[in-house]
């Protein structure tokens, strides 16, 4: 298949999943019932690819919730993790936050299921990243990391997708980065890592650069991101706090997207061509570990 045809097919897949998550299901919270519907949708979507998702279920305030995990590639060795959270804040269909990332995860899964990577890979759909679970023991990614440690497994690294579908003519930055020479246009993808993750982040970035159609910028933060708290606001920090290498792949969230955590975070704001290029970049990065 020609690359252009493949990108068009990926874009159609992304649109289909986004329609289902944002419009057919909508708000994905425990209270709305949308969280359970989203989990069921993702379970079926992974299964349709020939994967066997397993539920990592647990109780959160009297409700059963679950991460979904798919193993792809060889069975032996430390896994590479690629994950995204599938819940939303209330009263929003959560298009960029975080349907965009979940759709990219599913599109990447389709490619890797068809041609598995040379390294063990875990694709993880995390539940309950948003408040009130965020940075508590009930956050889905923290449960995932806790269970991984209990099993005596140390991942080779984690790529966490967080808000990856919004582009803009204007890009803002926190004050400390405003003079760092980053682009003024919000048309790139960012890779954020801590100091411990620097070799891993560099490897991911090298993989991304095999796709010159998607500009990529990177940031390394000291002290596990506590000096710039915005860099901790996703599931990658669950890995950082275990001392494991991880990066957040992001469109920079509220530094670019004015609809963050509002009802304006809607399907029609997503840039599917941008997301399709990200699937290409991620595939290059994953296969570079083989």
Protein backbone atom coordinates (compact mmCIF):
# COMPACT_ATOMS: atom_id res chain seq x y z
CA UNK A 1 0.00 0.00 0.00
CA UNK A 2 1.31 3.46 -0.90
CA UNK A 3 2.08 5.73 2.04
CA UNK A 4 -0.58 8.27 1.04
CA UNK A 5 -3.20 5.53 0.84
CA UNK A 6 -2.11 4.20 4.20
CA UNK A 7 -2.39 7.64 5.80
CA UNK A 8 -5.89 8.08 4.34
CA UNK A 9 -6.90 4.69 5.71
CA UNK A 10 -5.48 5.63 9.12
CA UNK A 11 -7.33 8.95 9.07
CA UNK A 12 -10.61 7.17 8.31
CA UNK A 13 -9.96 4.81 11.24
CA UNK A 14 -9.23 7.73 13.55
CA UNK A 15 -12.44 9.50 12.52
CA UNK A 16 -14.52 6.37 13.10
CA UNK A 17 -13.17 5.83 16.60
CA UNK A 18 -13.46 9.52 17.47
CA UNK A 19 -17.10 9.58 16.37
CA UNK A 20 -17.83 6.60 18.60
CA UNK A 21 -16.03 7.98 21.65
CA UNK A 22 -17.00 11.63 21.40
CA UNK A 23 -20.53 11.51 19.98
CA UNK A 24 -21.94 8.01 20.40
CA UNK A 25 -20.65 7.69 23.97
CA UNK A 26 -19.79 11.28 24.93
CA UNK A 27 -18.81 12.05 28.50
CA UNK A 28 -16.74 9.15 29.81
CA UNK A 29 -17.14 9.20 33.57
CA UNK A 30 -18.42 6.76 36.17
CA UNK A 31 -21.42 8.96 36.94
CA UNK A 32 -22.59 9.19 33.33
CA UNK A 33 -22.09 5.50 32.59
CA UNK A 34 -19.90 6.53 29.69
CA UNK A 35 -16.75 5.12 31.28
CA UNK A 36 -18.13 1.59 31.17
CA UNK A 37 -19.42 2.08 27.62
CA UNK A 38 -16.01 3.34 26.52
CA UNK A 39 -14.30 0.35 28.10
CA UNK A 40 -16.65 -2.00 26.24
CA UNK A 41 -16.04 -0.17 22.97
CA UNK A 42 -12.26 -0.39 23.38
CA UNK A 43 -12.44 -4.06 24.34
CA UNK A 44 -14.36 -4.79 21.14
CA UNK A 45 -12.07 -2.58 19.02
CA UNK A 46 -8.93 -4.36 20.23
CA UNK A 47 -10.64 -7.72 19.81
CA UNK A 48 -11.59 -6.91 16.22
CA UNK A 49 -7.87 -6.56 15.47
CA UNK A 50 -7.22 -10.09 16.69
CA UNK A 51 -5.78 -8.90 20.00
CA UNK A 52 -6.82 -10.30 23.38
CA UNK A 53 -7.34 -7.38 25.77
CA UNK A 54 -7.27 -8.28 29.44
CA UNK A 55 -9.09 -6.32 32.10
CA UNK A 56 -7.09 -5.07 35.04
CA UNK A 57 -10.10 -4.36 37.21
CA UNK A 58 -10.24 -2.71 40.62
CA UNK A 59 -12.63 -0.87 42.88
CA UNK A 60 -12.81 2.90 42.99
CA UNK A 61 -15.21 4.28 45.56
CA UNK A 62 -17.59 1.37 45.19
CA UNK A 63 -17.41 1.18 41.39
CA UNK A 64 -15.61 -1.48 39.37
CA UNK A 65 -13.32 0.13 36.79
CA UNK A 66 -10.59 -1.34 34.61
CA UNK A 67 -7.49 -0.73 32.57
CA UNK A 68 -7.36 -2.67 29.30
CA UNK A 69 -4.02 -4.21 28.33
CA UNK A 70 -3.03 -5.89 25.06
CA UNK A 71 0.23 -7.82 24.68
CA UNK A 72 1.78 -7.66 21.22
CA UNK A 73 5.02 -9.15 19.93
CA UNK A 74 7.37 -11.53 21.77
CA UNK A 75 6.35 -12.79 25.19
CA UNK A 76 9.76 -12.65 26.88
CA UNK A 77 11.65 -9.61 28.07
CA UNK A 78 10.82 -6.22 29.56
CA UNK A 79 7.88 -4.65 27.73
CA UNK A 80 7.68 -1.31 26.01
CA UNK A 81 4.41 0.34 27.08
CA UNK A 82 2.28 2.64 24.94
CA UNK A 83 -0.75 3.99 26.77
CA UNK A 84 -3.51 6.59 26.90
CA UNK A 85 -6.35 7.30 29.31
CA UNK A 86 -9.92 6.93 28.07
CA UNK A 87 -11.89 8.84 30.71
CA UNK A 88 -12.96 12.50 30.55
CA UNK A 89 -13.87 15.28 32.93
CA UNK A 90 -17.66 15.76 33.36
CA UNK A 91 -19.72 17.68 30.82
CA UNK A 92 -17.34 17.27 27.90
CA UNK A 93 -17.02 14.79 25.06
CA UNK A 94 -13.26 14.99 25.57
CA UNK A 95 -12.19 15.11 21.94
CA UNK A 96 -8.58 16.18 22.45
CA UNK A 97 -8.57 15.13 26.13
CA UNK A 98 -8.28 12.29 25.53
CA UNK A 99 -10.17 10.67 22.65
CA UNK A 100 -7.44 11.89 20.31
CA UNK A 101 -4.85 9.77 22.12
CA UNK A 102 -7.10 6.73 22.43
CA UNK A 103 -7.87 6.86 18.70
CA UNK A 104 -4.15 7.06 17.91
CA UNK A 105 -3.55 4.11 20.25
CA UNK A 106 -6.17 2.05 18.39
CA UNK A 107 -4.80 3.01 14.97
CA UNK A 108 -1.29 2.08 16.11
CA UNK A 109 -2.67 -1.21 17.46
CA UNK A 110 -4.08 -2.00 14.02
CA UNK A 111 -0.66 -1.63 12.40
CA UNK A 112 1.19 -3.58 15.08
CA UNK A 113 -1.38 -6.37 15.17
CA UNK A 114 -0.91 -6.81 11.42
CA UNK A 115 2.90 -6.82 11.74
CA UNK A 116 3.99 -7.32 15.36
CA UNK A 117 7.06 -5.51 16.69
CA UNK A 118 10.31 -7.29 17.48
CA UNK A 119 10.11 -6.37 21.19
CA UNK A 120 7.45 -7.17 23.82
CA UNK A 121 4.85 -4.41 23.75
CA UNK A 122 1.93 -3.61 26.03
CA UNK A 123 -0.79 -1.35 24.68
CA UNK A 124 -2.63 0.09 27.67
CA UNK A 125 -5.92 1.98 27.81
CA UNK A 126 -5.83 3.54 31.26
CA UNK A 127 -8.97 4.34 33.22
CA UNK A 128 -9.44 7.23 35.67
CA UNK A 129 -6.68 9.69 34.87
CA UNK A 130 -8.90 12.70 35.53
CA UNK A 131 -9.86 14.10 38.97
CA UNK A 132 -10.85 12.91 41.55
CA UNK A 133 -8.62 9.89 40.85
CA UNK A 134 -5.64 11.87 39.50
CA UNK A 135 -2.46 11.33 41.55
CA UNK A 136 -4.26 8.98 43.96
CA UNK A 137 -3.91 5.22 44.35
CA UNK A 138 -7.06 4.92 42.26
CA UNK A 139 -5.56 6.46 39.12
CA UNK A 140 -5.56 3.77 36.44
CA UNK A 141 -1.90 4.14 35.49
CA UNK A 142 -0.83 3.98 39.14
CA UNK A 143 -2.70 0.71 39.53
CA UNK A 144 -1.00 -0.50 36.34
CA UNK A 145 2.47 0.40 37.66
CA UNK A 146 1.73 -1.07 41.08
CA UNK A 147 0.69 -4.38 39.54
CA UNK A 148 3.70 -4.36 37.23
CA UNK A 149 6.06 -3.93 40.19
CA UNK A 150 4.22 -6.65 42.13
CA UNK A 151 4.82 -9.00 39.20
CA UNK A 152 8.54 -8.20 39.28
CA UNK A 153 8.46 -6.50 35.88
CA UNK A 154 10.39 -3.36 35.01
CA UNK A 155 9.33 -1.84 31.67
CA UNK A 156 11.93 -0.76 29.16
CA UNK A 157 9.96 2.48 29.02
CA UNK A 158 6.52 3.99 28.54
CA UNK A 159 5.12 6.27 25.85
CA UNK A 160 2.05 8.01 27.23
CA UNK A 161 -0.22 9.79 24.75
CA UNK A 162 -1.94 12.86 26.21
CA UNK A 163 -3.94 15.28 24.05
CA UNK A 164 -2.49 14.73 20.58
CA UNK A 165 -5.13 16.06 18.18
CA UNK A 166 -5.15 19.86 18.27
CA UNK A 167 -3.18 22.27 16.09
CA UNK A 168 -3.23 26.04 16.12
CA UNK A 169 -1.62 29.06 14.38
CA UNK A 170 -0.53 30.22 17.84
CA UNK A 171 1.42 28.40 20.53
CA UNK A 172 1.97 29.58 24.09
CA UNK A 173 4.42 28.38 26.74
CA UNK A 174 4.95 28.65 30.48
CA UNK A 175 7.04 31.71 31.33
CA UNK A 176 10.14 29.66 32.07
CA UNK A 177 10.13 28.31 28.48
CA UNK A 178 9.00 31.45 26.65
CA UNK A 179 12.54 32.39 25.63
CA UNK A 180 13.75 28.86 24.90
CA UNK A 181 13.32 29.11 21.15
CA UNK A 182 10.39 26.76 20.73
CA UNK A 183 8.10 27.29 17.69
CA UNK A 184 5.47 30.03 17.73
CA UNK A 185 3.05 27.88 15.70
CA UNK A 186 1.22 24.96 17.28
CA UNK A 187 1.72 22.41 14.51
CA UNK A 188 4.25 20.08 16.15
CA UNK A 189 4.11 17.19 18.60
CA UNK A 190 5.98 17.40 21.90
CA UNK A 191 7.94 14.75 23.76
CA UNK A 192 8.32 15.48 27.49
CA UNK A 193 10.64 13.43 29.69
CA UNK A 194 12.41 13.71 33.01
CA UNK A 195 16.18 13.50 33.46
CA UNK A 196 16.12 9.77 34.25
CA UNK A 197 14.23 9.19 30.98
CA UNK A 198 16.61 11.18 28.78
CA UNK A 199 18.17 8.22 26.87
CA UNK A 200 14.71 6.74 26.32
CA UNK A 201 13.29 10.09 25.17
CA UNK A 202 16.16 10.58 22.73
CA UNK A 203 15.49 7.15 21.27
CA UNK A 204 11.80 7.98 20.81
CA UNK A 205 12.65 11.29 19.17
CA UNK A 206 15.06 9.60 16.76
CA UNK A 207 12.25 7.27 15.78
CA UNK A 208 9.86 10.17 15.25
CA UNK A 209 12.34 11.88 12.97
CA UNK A 210 11.97 9.04 10.48
CA UNK A 211 8.69 10.79 9.64
CA UNK A 212 9.71 14.29 8.47
CA UNK A 213 6.06 15.22 7.86
CA UNK A 214 5.43 15.67 11.60
CA UNK A 215 7.61 18.27 13.36
CA UNK A 216 8.73 17.17 16.83
CA UNK A 217 10.09 19.12 19.79
CA UNK A 218 11.34 17.79 23.12
CA UNK A 219 11.69 18.96 26.70
CA UNK A 220 13.59 17.40 29.59
CA UNK A 221 12.55 18.48 33.09
CA UNK A 222 14.52 18.03 36.31
CA UNK A 223 13.18 16.77 39.65
CA UNK A 224 10.49 14.56 38.09
CA UNK A 225 8.75 17.66 36.76
CA UNK A 226 7.92 19.19 40.13
CA UNK A 227 9.70 22.39 39.05
CA UNK A 228 7.15 22.71 36.21
CA UNK A 229 4.04 20.98 37.45
CA UNK A 230 2.26 21.14 34.07
CA UNK A 231 4.72 18.51 32.85
CA UNK A 232 3.39 16.01 35.41
CA UNK A 233 -0.28 16.21 34.44
CA UNK A 234 -0.75 12.80 32.84
CA UNK A 235 -0.11 9.10 33.31
CA UNK A 236 3.61 9.24 32.50
CA UNK A 237 4.22 10.67 35.98
CA UNK A 238 3.05 7.35 37.45
CA UNK A 239 6.10 5.78 35.78
CA UNK A 240 8.41 8.64 36.73
CA UNK A 241 7.46 8.24 40.38
CA UNK A 242 8.50 4.56 40.19
CA UNK A 243 11.87 5.55 38.74
CA UNK A 244 10.97 4.07 35.34
CA UNK A 245 11.68 5.81 32.02
CA UNK A 246 8.66 7.40 30.41
CA UNK A 247 7.69 10.24 28.10
CA UNK A 248 4.51 12.17 27.52
CA UNK A 249 3.70 12.67 23.83
CA UNK A 250 1.44 15.69 23.58
CA UNK A 251 0.14 18.63 21.57
CA UNK A 252 0.99 20.67 24.75
CA UNK A 253 -2.60 20.60 26.09
CA UNK A 254 -3.80 23.94 27.53
CA UNK A 255 -0.73 25.76 26.24
CA UNK A 256 -2.26 25.30 22.79
CA UNK A 257 -5.84 24.16 23.16
CA UNK A 258 -8.24 26.77 24.64
CA UNK A 259 -10.96 24.13 25.00
CA UNK A 260 -9.12 22.12 27.66
CA UNK A 261 -11.57 20.65 30.20
CA UNK A 262 -14.53 22.56 28.75
CA UNK A 263 -17.59 21.60 26.67
CA UNK A 264 -15.76 23.17 23.72
CA UNK A 265 -13.42 20.15 23.51
CA UNK A 266 -15.45 18.72 20.65
CA UNK A 267 -14.96 16.36 17.76
CA UNK A 268 -14.83 19.07 15.10
CA UNK A 269 -11.74 20.67 16.71
CA UNK A 270 -9.53 17.64 15.99
CA UNK A 271 -6.89 17.65 13.25
CA UNK A 272 -7.09 14.09 11.90
CA UNK A 273 -4.31 14.57 9.34
CA UNK A 274 -1.99 15.59 12.21
CA UNK A 275 -3.08 12.54 14.24
CA UNK A 276 -2.51 10.26 11.26
CA UNK A 277 1.07 11.49 10.95
CA UNK A 278 1.54 10.78 14.65
CA UNK A 279 0.53 7.15 14.12
CA UNK A 280 3.29 6.95 11.50
CA UNK A 281 5.84 8.50 13.87
CA UNK A 282 4.87 6.19 16.72
CA UNK A 283 5.17 3.14 14.53
CA UNK A 284 8.69 4.20 13.53
CA UNK A 285 9.59 4.74 17.20
CA UNK A 286 8.25 1.36 18.33
CA UNK A 287 9.92 -0.55 15.51
CA UNK A 288 13.23 1.16 16.25
CA UNK A 289 13.40 -0.91 19.47
CA UNK A 290 13.57 -4.11 17.44
